[in-house]
Structure formats: C-alpha cells, structure tokens
Amino acid sequence: MRVLSNARILTMDADLREIGQGWIALEDDRIAALGEGTPPAGRVEDMGGDLIMPGMVNPHCHLPMTLFRGLGEDVDDRLFRYILPLERALVTADVVEAGTRLAAVESIRGGVTTVADMYYFEDRVGAVLDAAGLRGVIGQTLADFAAPDHASMDEGFARLDALVDIYRDHPRITASAAPHAPYSTGPEVLRRVAEWSAAHPGLPVQMHLAETREELKWAEAEHGCSTVEVTDRAGLLTPALVAAHVMYPSEADIALMAERGISVAHNARSNGKAGRGIAPVTALRAAGIAVGLATDGPMSGNTLDLFAQFAPASMFQKIAGGSRKPLPCTDVIRMATIEGAGTLGMGDRIGSLEPGKQADLIRISLADPRLHPVYDIYSTLVFAALPCDVRATMVAGSWLMEDRQVATLDAGKALADALQIARAFKARIIEIDKVSQ
C-alpha cells in the first residue's frame, strides 16, 4: 500500500469534506482510505503540506487543434476562411497525433486527468491518451461538410464502429459518437446516431447544441422549432448526450433538457472570445441539469487548462445576475471535478477523493505568495491559482507528472513536432490570403 501523507485534502465529496492535514492510502489504481492523524503503514510519499484534490475533468475539447492555437484571431469568418480549408488540405492522421501529444502535455501540466475529445482520426487520439496515461472519451466527429477522415456518412459510422472495437474493454479510454451539430448533420443523421446510441448503452454522445444564433435560425426556418427540439424529435435528447455550449436555450428548452436528463459542457472562455454572450449556466444548474466546465478547442479558447476557465465562468454569471452571488467558487470547482465527471457518466469512478474510487488526483503547491492569505481555498483556486501551481498529476494510481516533469511523454519532441506542422499551416495561410486579396 502507498500512502500520500502530510497533505491538505480537498475531497469534493457530497459533504465537501476538507482535511487540514491528512493522508490518502492507495491500493493499485484505487483510493483505499483517507483521513487525518496517523497514517496507516505503507510506502509513504510526503506531500509537504501541498493541496491534494481530484484530477480535473474537461468534458468538451478538440485536442488536436492545439495546432490552430492563435490562428486568425479577431477574424469573424476564420472558420470558413482558414480552418476548414486547412483541415481539408493538411489534417492527416499523423497531424492529429502530433497535435494530441502537445495537448496531452498541456493537460497533464494543467492538472486535467480526464478529457472528452471530438475530432477526426480519433483512433490516433485514443492511442496518444493511452500512452500518456490519461483518461479520455474519444468522439468520432460526424458532419455533412468535407471531413479529413471520411468522405461519406457511412464511412464516418464505420470509423465509429471501429473505434468502439479498439477500445471496447479499455480501462481508461471510452469511444463516443460525436455528431458535429444539428445543422451540420440534419435530423436523418441524428436519428441514426440515436439508434447507434441505443445499441451501445454506456457510451456517450457528444454534440454542439444551441451554440450560435444562426443555428437557431436554421432550426426555426427548416423545422419550425428550436434546435433542442430538433434533437429531441430525432430521439437524441437522452442521458447519453453531452451537449456543448448551449448558449441560447429557451425556458422550454431548459425544461425539456432537464426532463430528458442530458448533460452540458460549458465553455465560458471560448464563448466570450467569440462574442456570443453569456450561457445561462445558473438556470441550467437550477433546473437540475449536470453542467461541467470545459475548455473547448485551443483554437477557440486558446488553452486546455481549466484554471483559465474558472474566473470567466464565475464572473460571467455574476455579470448576468448583477450580483456577487451567482456561481460561487465552490460550485466552479464542483463543475471542474465531480460535476464534470457526472456529465460523462463517470461520477461513480472519478471526480472526488473517496474510498473505492480511481486514484485520479493532483498535487497543488500553495507556496507562491500570490496565493496568500488563504481564507477560502475554493476562492484561491478560482481567482488566484494557475496551472504552474500543479506540482504532480496522477491517473489510476500512476504519477504522470512529478515536480512539473511529465514522465509519460517527451514534452520537447511534442513541441518540436507541432511547430514543424505549424510552419506548413503558415505557408498555406499566406496562400489563402493572397487569393482573398
């Protein structure tokens, strides 16, 4: 038995139990026990008074898009001007693998232990996450625009089925269907995804939903209802669905989503950067909808660490509510841990430090003067802590990083490979701009 001793522990259990000076006993990949006072016998690892808390959960991202970070900022039509043409011309399985390696390094260093990804060539994404030691949900994107890894919807579903076969019994990697959005698939494909989901109980479905006003206009013009209702009519508004963004639901939509038991991944930073406004997170949570805190892709939010999401998520709800009270710090950290785990159907395994759960945890140093005084540890985490404060990251009982050194990936090679691909992207951008002038 291994024992992490001399630690300040934030359990994130139902009672939000905090232990000022305690220990956590680990047995293989699980938490065996935790408490305060004299630790049990075992191989002791002294945490030096650092904070131990659950590893964070990112329930919506596009990991390989680290390669697009900072590209076309402040350009409203960058999706069609740059991103889609670059994806069609240059995104291959090898490019996806390189982008995911860079993303995995960033996630580990930022204290994120579980990610839900939706992109292309997801078998390669899964392979990188597996090698990195991370926990992940990998979603095969399905869309009616030209995709880098499939030319038809039948081919896309074939890739999805192959993904399920590859990771069927994997302890940390879970396959997922990821229809891009209602407007980019249509009801027929949504119904097909719903049938696939019913045939694969326990596997999640990821989709962008009610993300843009254009999406709402499409649903009203084409179907005479909201985009949430389009999804419901297709049979896809089920507990398996993790809906990303949900910027513009009506009160009726919120009631329907709550009744159907779907979950939401909130992306405060990328929503703000896109000028889309403030998602009704307070109303969603008040309706009983599980909401996790997510980063979106590095192209949209520029980062894959949840620390960068904490303050915007809280402040946007306070601005909308005209008060300091909405989305308090405890709720923000819940959304980054146990509630985020719940959105992915993993709340019984991860998201809190409790006996029997997986040993997914992070060690945070509170040594930096900018973190003090600490009157409320939740406030410190939300408004003062940074990714660089994460000293160590553990998944399933194995340290993926100690003393800021990632052990499972070559961080230097990951960066070098990504920068080489970025040079090709830059050359193509120059060509696009010349044609557009």
Protein backbone atom coordinates (compact mmCIF):
# COMPACT_ATOMS: atom_id res chain seq x y z
CA MET A 1 0.00 0.00 0.00
CA ARG A 2 1.19 3.52 -0.85
CA VAL A 3 0.35 6.42 1.43
CA LEU A 4 0.34 10.08 0.42
CA SER A 5 0.94 11.80 3.74
CA ASN A 6 1.21 15.33 5.13
CA ALA A 7 -1.35 16.74 2.70
CA ARG A 8 -4.13 19.30 2.75
CA ILE A 9 -7.01 17.39 1.16
CA LEU A 10 -9.98 18.71 -0.78
CA THR A 11 -12.21 15.68 -1.26
CA MET A 12 -15.07 17.19 -3.36
CA ASP A 13 -17.37 14.54 -1.92
CA ALA A 14 -21.05 15.20 -1.24
CA ASP A 15 -20.20 16.99 2.01
CA LEU A 16 -17.27 18.92 0.50
CA ARG A 17 -15.10 17.49 3.26
CA GLU A 18 -11.75 19.19 3.79
CA ILE A 19 -8.87 17.71 5.75
CA GLY A 20 -6.34 20.23 7.01
CA GLN A 21 -3.51 17.73 7.44
CA GLY A 22 -4.21 14.21 6.29
CA TRP A 23 -3.28 11.18 4.25
CA ILE A 24 -4.58 9.10 1.34
CA ALA A 25 -3.90 5.37 1.10
CA LEU A 26 -3.72 3.92 -2.42
CA GLU A 27 -4.11 0.28 -3.41
CA ASP A 28 -3.14 -0.29 -7.05
CA ASP A 29 -5.28 2.11 -9.12
CA ARG A 30 -7.80 2.98 -6.39
CA ILE A 31 -8.17 5.00 -3.22
CA ALA A 32 -8.28 2.57 -0.31
CA ALA A 33 -8.82 5.05 2.51
CA LEU A 34 -8.17 8.63 3.58
CA GLY A 35 -8.23 10.53 6.81
CA GLU A 36 -6.34 12.68 9.27
CA GLY A 37 -3.97 11.91 12.09
CA THR A 38 -1.56 8.98 12.00
CA PRO A 39 -1.45 7.39 8.52
CA PRO A 40 -1.60 3.60 8.08
CA ALA A 41 1.51 1.55 7.42
CA GLY A 42 2.75 1.59 3.87
CA ARG A 43 5.21 3.17 1.48
CA VAL A 44 4.92 6.83 2.44
CA GLU A 45 5.20 9.71 -0.02
CA ASP A 46 5.42 13.06 1.80
CA MET A 47 3.30 15.72 0.09
CA GLY A 48 4.98 18.51 2.03
CA GLY A 49 1.73 20.16 3.08
CA ASP A 50 0.61 20.67 -0.53
CA LEU A 51 -3.05 20.55 -1.56
CA ILE A 52 -4.33 17.23 -2.91
CA MET A 53 -7.61 17.39 -4.84
CA PRO A 54 -9.34 15.32 -7.53
CA GLY A 55 -7.92 15.48 -11.01
CA MET A 56 -9.93 17.87 -13.14
CA VAL A 57 -12.34 16.79 -15.88
CA ASN A 58 -12.58 18.58 -19.24
CA PRO A 59 -15.87 17.39 -20.80
CA HIS A 60 -15.51 19.14 -24.17
CA CYS A 61 -12.43 19.85 -26.26
CA HIS A 62 -10.77 19.34 -29.62
CA LEU A 63 -7.30 18.23 -28.59
CA PRO A 64 -5.54 18.12 -31.99
CA MET A 65 -6.49 21.75 -32.56
CA THR A 66 -3.56 22.86 -30.42
CA LEU A 67 -2.04 23.25 -33.88
CA PHE A 68 -4.58 26.01 -34.65
CA ARG A 69 -4.00 27.96 -31.44
CA GLY A 70 -3.94 31.73 -32.06
CA LEU A 71 -4.65 31.35 -35.76
CA GLY A 72 -6.88 34.01 -37.32
CA GLU A 73 -7.68 35.82 -34.09
CA ASP A 74 -10.12 38.72 -34.45
CA VAL A 75 -11.32 37.41 -37.85
CA ASP A 76 -15.06 36.75 -37.76
CA ASP A 77 -15.10 34.36 -40.73
CA ARG A 78 -11.95 32.44 -39.76
CA LEU A 79 -13.78 29.09 -39.70
CA PHE A 80 -14.55 29.24 -43.42
CA ARG A 81 -11.59 31.42 -44.42
CA TYR A 82 -8.85 29.44 -42.69
CA ILE A 83 -9.86 26.49 -40.51
CA LEU A 84 -11.92 24.33 -42.87
CA PRO A 85 -9.54 24.81 -45.82
CA LEU A 86 -6.56 23.95 -43.62
CA GLU A 87 -8.30 20.86 -42.28
CA ARG A 88 -9.21 19.63 -45.76
CA ALA A 89 -5.72 20.21 -47.14
CA LEU A 90 -3.38 19.39 -44.28
CA VAL A 91 -5.01 17.45 -41.42
CA THR A 92 -3.91 13.82 -41.58
CA ALA A 93 -3.74 11.06 -39.00
CA ASP A 94 -0.11 11.99 -38.26
CA VAL A 95 -1.04 15.66 -37.82
CA VAL A 96 -3.82 14.69 -35.41
CA GLU A 97 -1.40 12.54 -33.41
CA ALA A 98 1.13 15.36 -33.15
CA GLY A 99 -1.49 17.89 -32.06
CA THR A 100 -2.85 15.48 -29.48
CA ARG A 101 0.60 14.87 -27.98
CA LEU A 102 1.04 18.59 -27.44
CA ALA A 103 -2.45 18.72 -25.94
CA ALA A 104 -1.74 15.80 -23.62
CA VAL A 105 1.37 17.51 -22.25
CA GLU A 106 -0.62 20.70 -21.65
CA SER A 107 -3.47 18.83 -19.98
CA ILE A 108 -1.20 16.89 -17.63
CA ARG A 109 0.70 20.03 -16.68
CA GLY A 110 -2.59 21.81 -16.03
CA GLY A 111 -3.99 19.16 -13.68
CA VAL A 112 -6.57 17.76 -16.13
CA THR A 113 -6.79 13.99 -15.80
CA THR A 114 -9.89 13.25 -17.93
CA VAL A 115 -10.76 14.76 -21.32
CA ALA A 116 -13.67 14.35 -23.71
CA ASP A 117 -12.49 14.98 -27.25
CA MET A 118 -14.32 15.22 -30.55
CA TYR A 119 -12.36 15.48 -33.78
CA TYR A 120 -11.06 13.25 -36.59
CA PHE A 121 -8.81 10.17 -36.66
CA GLU A 122 -9.89 9.53 -33.07
CA ASP A 123 -8.15 6.16 -33.01
CA ARG A 124 -4.89 8.11 -33.04
CA VAL A 125 -6.20 10.45 -30.33
CA GLY A 126 -7.00 7.43 -28.19
CA ALA A 127 -3.56 5.95 -28.75
CA VAL A 128 -1.87 9.16 -27.56
CA LEU A 129 -4.10 9.46 -24.49
CA ASP A 130 -3.43 5.82 -23.66
CA ALA A 131 0.34 6.26 -23.93
CA ALA A 132 0.15 9.46 -21.87
CA GLY A 133 -1.76 7.65 -19.12
CA LEU A 134 -4.74 9.99 -19.29
CA ARG A 135 -8.41 9.07 -19.04
CA GLY A 136 -10.44 10.03 -22.08
CA VAL A 137 -13.66 9.93 -24.06
CA ILE A 138 -12.83 9.98 -27.77
CA GLY A 139 -15.58 11.08 -30.12
CA GLN A 140 -15.66 10.34 -33.85
CA THR A 141 -16.95 13.51 -35.50
CA LEU A 142 -19.79 13.08 -37.99
CA ALA A 143 -20.69 16.01 -40.24
CA ASP A 144 -22.03 16.75 -43.71
CA PHE A 145 -19.11 19.04 -44.64
CA ALA A 146 -15.87 17.66 -46.06
CA ALA A 147 -14.11 15.88 -43.21
CA PRO A 148 -10.43 14.91 -43.17
CA ASP A 149 -11.11 11.28 -42.25
CA HIS A 150 -14.34 10.32 -44.03
CA ALA A 151 -15.96 11.14 -47.36
CA SER A 152 -19.42 9.83 -46.55
CA MET A 153 -21.62 9.34 -43.53
CA ASP A 154 -21.41 5.56 -43.96
CA GLU A 155 -17.63 5.81 -43.79
CA GLY A 156 -17.89 8.00 -40.70
CA PHE A 157 -20.08 5.45 -38.93
CA ALA A 158 -17.67 2.69 -39.98
CA ARG A 159 -14.85 4.61 -38.30
CA LEU A 160 -17.04 4.98 -35.22
CA ASP A 161 -17.72 1.25 -35.04
CA ALA A 162 -14.01 0.51 -35.45
CA LEU A 163 -13.27 2.92 -32.60
CA VAL A 164 -15.69 1.03 -30.35
CA ASP A 165 -13.98 -2.26 -31.19
CA ILE A 166 -10.49 -0.91 -30.47
CA TYR A 167 -11.34 0.49 -27.04
CA ARG A 168 -14.17 -1.83 -26.01
CA ASP A 169 -12.52 -3.10 -22.82
CA HIS A 170 -10.02 -0.34 -22.18
CA PRO A 171 -9.86 0.76 -18.53
CA ARG A 172 -9.33 4.45 -19.32
CA ILE A 173 -10.38 5.17 -22.93
CA THR A 174 -14.05 5.25 -23.97
CA ALA A 175 -15.35 5.55 -27.54
CA SER A 176 -18.07 8.06 -28.34
CA ALA A 177 -20.22 9.23 -31.24
CA ALA A 178 -19.81 12.93 -31.98
CA PRO A 179 -22.28 14.36 -34.49
CA HIS A 180 -20.97 17.88 -35.04
CA ALA A 181 -24.25 19.78 -34.56
CA PRO A 182 -27.90 19.51 -35.63
CA TYR A 183 -27.45 21.92 -38.57
CA SER A 184 -24.31 20.17 -39.84
CA THR A 185 -25.81 16.69 -39.76
CA GLY A 186 -29.56 17.03 -40.11
CA PRO A 187 -32.38 15.03 -38.49
CA GLU A 188 -31.75 11.89 -40.51
CA VAL A 189 -28.18 11.54 -39.25
CA LEU A 190 -29.27 12.49 -35.72
CA ARG A 191 -31.80 9.66 -35.81
CA ARG A 192 -29.07 7.30 -36.99
CA VAL A 193 -26.86 8.41 -34.10
CA ALA A 194 -29.77 7.90 -31.70
CA GLU A 195 -30.15 4.34 -32.98
CA TRP A 196 -26.40 3.79 -32.58
CA SER A 197 -26.57 5.16 -29.03
CA ALA A 198 -29.45 2.85 -28.10
CA ALA A 199 -27.41 -0.09 -29.39
CA HIS A 200 -24.37 1.00 -27.34
CA PRO A 201 -25.61 1.69 -23.81
CA GLY A 202 -23.00 3.22 -21.58
CA LEU A 203 -21.20 5.04 -24.40
CA PRO A 204 -21.69 8.82 -24.52
CA VAL A 205 -22.67 11.03 -27.44
CA GLN A 206 -21.07 14.46 -27.83
CA MET A 207 -22.54 17.31 -29.86
CA HIS A 208 -22.50 21.11 -30.15
CA LEU A 209 -26.02 22.33 -29.36
CA ALA A 210 -27.70 25.76 -29.36
CA GLU A 211 -24.26 27.26 -29.85
CA THR A 212 -24.99 30.05 -32.34
CA ARG A 213 -27.91 32.28 -33.31
CA GLU A 214 -27.52 31.04 -36.88
CA GLU A 215 -28.24 27.53 -35.60
CA LEU A 216 -31.47 28.76 -34.01
CA LYS A 217 -32.50 30.49 -37.25
CA TRP A 218 -31.82 27.28 -39.20
CA ALA A 219 -33.97 25.22 -36.85
CA GLU A 220 -36.87 27.69 -37.00
CA ALA A 221 -36.71 28.11 -40.78
CA GLU A 222 -36.25 24.44 -41.65
CA HIS A 223 -38.20 22.71 -38.87
CA GLY A 224 -40.38 25.33 -37.18
CA CYS A 225 -38.93 24.68 -33.73
CA SER A 226 -35.80 25.15 -31.63
CA THR A 227 -32.56 23.28 -32.26
CA VAL A 228 -33.08 21.48 -28.93
CA GLU A 229 -36.48 20.29 -30.17
CA VAL A 230 -34.94 19.14 -33.46
CA THR A 231 -32.58 16.97 -31.43
CA ASP A 232 -35.42 15.67 -29.27
CA ARG A 233 -37.59 14.78 -32.27
CA ALA A 234 -34.66 12.76 -33.61
CA GLY A 235 -34.55 10.79 -30.36
CA LEU A 236 -31.09 12.01 -29.36
CA LEU A 237 -32.02 14.12 -26.34
CA THR A 238 -31.18 11.35 -23.87
CA PRO A 239 -28.96 10.90 -20.78
CA ALA A 240 -26.17 9.74 -23.11
CA LEU A 241 -25.88 13.20 -24.67
CA VAL A 242 -23.19 15.67 -23.60
CA ALA A 243 -24.25 18.96 -25.22
CA ALA A 244 -21.51 21.53 -25.65
CA HIS A 245 -22.11 25.29 -25.27
CA VAL A 246 -25.94 25.50 -25.04
CA MET A 247 -25.75 29.27 -25.34
CA TYR A 248 -29.30 30.07 -26.41
CA PRO A 249 -31.88 27.66 -24.94
CA SER A 250 -35.38 28.92 -24.22
CA GLU A 251 -37.05 28.23 -20.90
CA ALA A 252 -38.96 25.46 -22.62
CA ASP A 253 -35.69 24.03 -23.97
CA ILE A 254 -34.16 24.02 -20.49
CA ALA A 255 -37.20 22.22 -19.06
CA LEU A 256 -37.06 19.66 -21.87
CA MET A 257 -33.32 19.05 -21.42
CA ALA A 258 -33.80 18.60 -17.69
CA GLU A 259 -36.66 16.16 -18.27
CA ARG A 260 -34.58 14.13 -20.74
CA GLY A 261 -31.55 14.04 -18.42
CA ILE A 262 -28.88 15.35 -20.79
CA SER A 263 -25.64 16.96 -19.60
CA VAL A 264 -23.98 20.22 -20.67
CA ALA A 265 -20.32 21.17 -21.16
CA HIS A 266 -19.89 24.90 -20.50
CA ASN A 267 -17.12 26.77 -22.35
CA ALA A 268 -17.06 30.25 -20.84
CA ARG A 269 -13.76 31.44 -22.26
CA SER A 270 -14.33 30.43 -25.89
CA ASN A 271 -17.91 31.72 -25.78
CA GLY A 272 -16.64 35.09 -24.60
CA LYS A 273 -13.88 35.25 -27.20
CA ALA A 274 -16.43 34.58 -29.95
CA GLY A 275 -18.64 37.41 -28.71
CA ARG A 276 -21.57 35.05 -28.22
CA GLY A 277 -22.69 36.31 -24.84
CA ILE A 278 -23.26 34.51 -21.57
CA ALA A 279 -24.65 30.97 -21.38
CA PRO A 280 -27.48 30.50 -18.84
CA VAL A 281 -25.44 28.23 -16.58
CA THR A 282 -27.22 29.35 -13.42
CA ALA A 283 -30.60 28.48 -14.93
CA LEU A 284 -29.35 25.15 -16.31
CA ARG A 285 -27.98 24.07 -12.94
CA ALA A 286 -31.09 25.30 -11.12
CA ALA A 287 -33.14 23.05 -13.39
CA GLY A 288 -31.08 20.06 -12.26
CA ILE A 289 -29.00 19.73 -15.44
CA ALA A 290 -25.46 18.48 -14.86
CA VAL A 291 -23.00 21.11 -16.12
CA GLY A 292 -19.28 20.52 -16.41
CA LEU A 293 -16.63 23.16 -17.00
CA ALA A 294 -14.81 22.73 -20.31
CA THR A 295 -12.16 24.45 -22.42
CA ASP A 296 -13.44 23.91 -25.97
CA GLY A 297 -10.66 23.61 -28.54
CA PRO A 298 -7.37 25.51 -28.28
CA MET A 299 -8.35 27.30 -31.48
CA SER A 300 -11.40 28.76 -29.72
CA GLY A 301 -10.28 29.22 -26.12
CA ASN A 302 -6.51 29.06 -26.67
CA THR A 303 -5.88 26.85 -23.66
CA LEU A 304 -6.66 23.36 -22.36
CA ASP A 305 -6.31 24.12 -18.66
CA LEU A 306 -9.38 24.65 -16.53
CA PHE A 307 -7.76 27.30 -14.34
CA ALA A 308 -8.23 29.69 -17.26
CA GLN A 309 -11.96 28.89 -17.28
CA PHE A 310 -12.64 29.37 -13.56
CA ALA A 311 -12.79 33.15 -13.28
CA PRO A 312 -14.65 33.80 -16.58
CA ALA A 313 -17.25 31.15 -15.75
CA SER A 314 -17.95 32.69 -12.35
CA MET A 315 -17.73 36.33 -13.41
CA PHE A 316 -20.00 35.94 -16.44
CA GLN A 317 -22.77 34.53 -14.25
CA LYS A 318 -22.27 37.34 -11.75
CA ILE A 319 -22.49 39.92 -14.54
CA ALA A 320 -25.67 38.32 -15.87
CA GLY A 321 -27.15 38.18 -12.36
CA GLY A 322 -25.97 41.63 -11.30
CA SER A 323 -24.62 40.22 -8.06
CA ARG A 324 -21.60 38.54 -6.48
CA LYS A 325 -23.71 35.53 -5.53
CA PRO A 326 -24.27 33.54 -8.75
CA LEU A 327 -21.94 30.58 -9.39
CA PRO A 328 -19.90 30.73 -6.18
CA CYS A 329 -16.37 29.36 -6.07
CA THR A 330 -17.39 26.03 -4.54
CA ASP A 331 -19.70 25.40 -7.49
CA VAL A 332 -16.99 26.28 -10.01
CA ILE A 333 -14.65 23.67 -8.52
CA ARG A 334 -17.51 21.16 -8.37
CA MET A 335 -18.08 21.75 -12.10
CA ALA A 336 -14.38 21.09 -12.73
CA THR A 337 -14.34 17.85 -10.74
CA ILE A 338 -17.32 15.80 -9.55
CA GLU A 339 -19.95 17.51 -11.72
CA GLY A 340 -17.69 17.32 -14.74
CA ALA A 341 -17.28 13.60 -14.07
CA GLY A 342 -21.05 13.31 -13.85
CA THR A 343 -21.56 14.82 -17.29
CA LEU A 344 -19.53 11.95 -18.74
CA GLY A 345 -21.30 9.30 -16.68
CA MET A 346 -18.18 8.75 -14.57
CA GLY A 347 -19.23 10.26 -11.26
CA ASP A 348 -19.14 6.86 -9.58
CA ARG A 349 -15.47 6.38 -10.55
CA ILE A 350 -13.75 9.77 -10.58
CA GLY A 351 -14.28 13.42 -9.64
CA SER A 352 -13.92 13.12 -5.86
CA LEU A 353 -11.47 11.58 -3.42
CA GLU A 354 -13.36 8.73 -1.75
CA PRO A 355 -12.53 5.10 -0.90
CA GLY A 356 -13.15 2.81 -3.85
CA LYS A 357 -12.78 5.50 -6.49
CA GLN A 358 -9.99 5.68 -9.02
CA ALA A 359 -6.81 7.36 -7.79
CA ASP A 360 -7.04 10.32 -10.18
CA LEU A 361 -5.65 13.28 -8.27
CA ILE A 362 -3.41 16.31 -8.48
CA ARG A 363 -0.93 17.94 -6.12
CA ILE A 364 -1.03 21.74 -6.00
CA SER A 365 1.64 23.85 -4.34
CA LEU A 366 0.33 26.74 -2.26
CA ALA A 367 3.80 28.20 -1.77
CA ASP A 368 3.59 31.17 -4.10
CA PRO A 369 2.94 34.50 -2.29
CA ARG A 370 0.22 35.45 -4.80
CA LEU A 371 -1.96 32.71 -3.30
CA HIS A 372 -1.93 34.15 0.22
CA PRO A 373 -3.57 34.66 2.59
CA VAL A 374 -5.90 31.70 2.05
CA TYR A 375 -9.22 32.50 3.68
CA ASP A 376 -11.19 30.22 1.34
CA ILE A 377 -9.37 27.51 -0.61
CA TYR A 378 -12.07 27.50 -3.30
CA SER A 379 -11.66 31.22 -3.88
CA THR A 380 -7.90 30.79 -4.04
CA LEU A 381 -8.24 28.11 -6.71
CA VAL A 382 -10.78 30.03 -8.79
CA PHE A 383 -9.29 33.52 -8.74
CA ALA A 384 -5.59 33.17 -7.88
CA ALA A 385 -4.16 29.74 -8.76
CA LEU A 386 -2.50 28.99 -12.10
CA PRO A 387 -1.60 25.79 -13.99
CA CYS A 388 2.04 26.25 -12.95
CA ASP A 389 0.97 25.63 -9.34
CA VAL A 390 0.22 21.99 -10.21
CA ARG A 391 3.25 20.03 -9.00
CA ALA A 392 2.13 16.49 -9.81
CA THR A 393 -0.66 14.69 -11.67
CA MET A 394 -1.83 11.12 -11.06
CA VAL A 395 -4.24 8.89 -13.01
CA ALA A 396 -5.26 5.41 -11.87
CA GLY A 397 -2.58 5.44 -9.19
CA SER A 398 0.32 6.33 -11.52
CA TRP A 399 2.15 9.67 -11.48
CA LEU A 400 2.05 11.16 -14.98
CA MET A 401 3.97 14.19 -13.74
CA GLU A 402 6.10 14.90 -10.67
CA ASP A 403 7.83 18.16 -9.82
CA ARG A 404 6.46 19.62 -13.09
CA GLN A 405 8.26 16.97 -15.16
CA VAL A 406 5.93 14.93 -17.40
CA ALA A 407 7.01 11.29 -17.21
CA THR A 408 4.82 9.67 -19.85
CA LEU A 409 5.53 11.90 -22.88
CA ASP A 410 8.54 13.65 -24.37
CA ALA A 411 7.39 17.25 -24.00
CA GLY A 412 10.27 18.66 -26.03
CA LYS A 413 9.57 16.38 -29.01
CA ALA A 414 5.84 17.08 -28.80
CA LEU A 415 6.51 20.80 -29.11
CA ALA A 416 9.08 20.41 -31.90
CA ASP A 417 6.72 18.22 -33.97
CA ALA A 418 3.87 20.70 -33.51
CA LEU A 419 5.99 23.67 -34.57
CA GLN A 420 7.08 21.85 -37.72
CA ILE A 421 3.44 21.33 -38.70
CA ALA A 422 2.66 24.95 -37.83
CA ARG A 423 5.17 26.07 -40.46
CA ALA A 424 3.15 24.25 -43.12
CA PHE A 425 -0.04 25.85 -41.78
CA LYS A 426 1.53 29.30 -42.00
CA ALA A 427 2.56 28.75 -45.62
CA ARG A 428 -0.98 27.73 -46.53
CA ILE A 429 -2.42 30.77 -44.71
CA ILE A 430 -0.22 33.04 -46.83
CA GLU A 431 -1.61 31.37 -49.95
CA ILE A 432 -5.20 31.80 -48.76
CA ASP A 433 -4.65 35.48 -48.01
CA LYS A 434 -3.11 36.07 -51.45
CA VAL A 435 -6.13 34.54 -53.18
CA SER A 436 -8.53 36.55 -50.99
CA GLN A 437 -6.91 39.92 -51.71
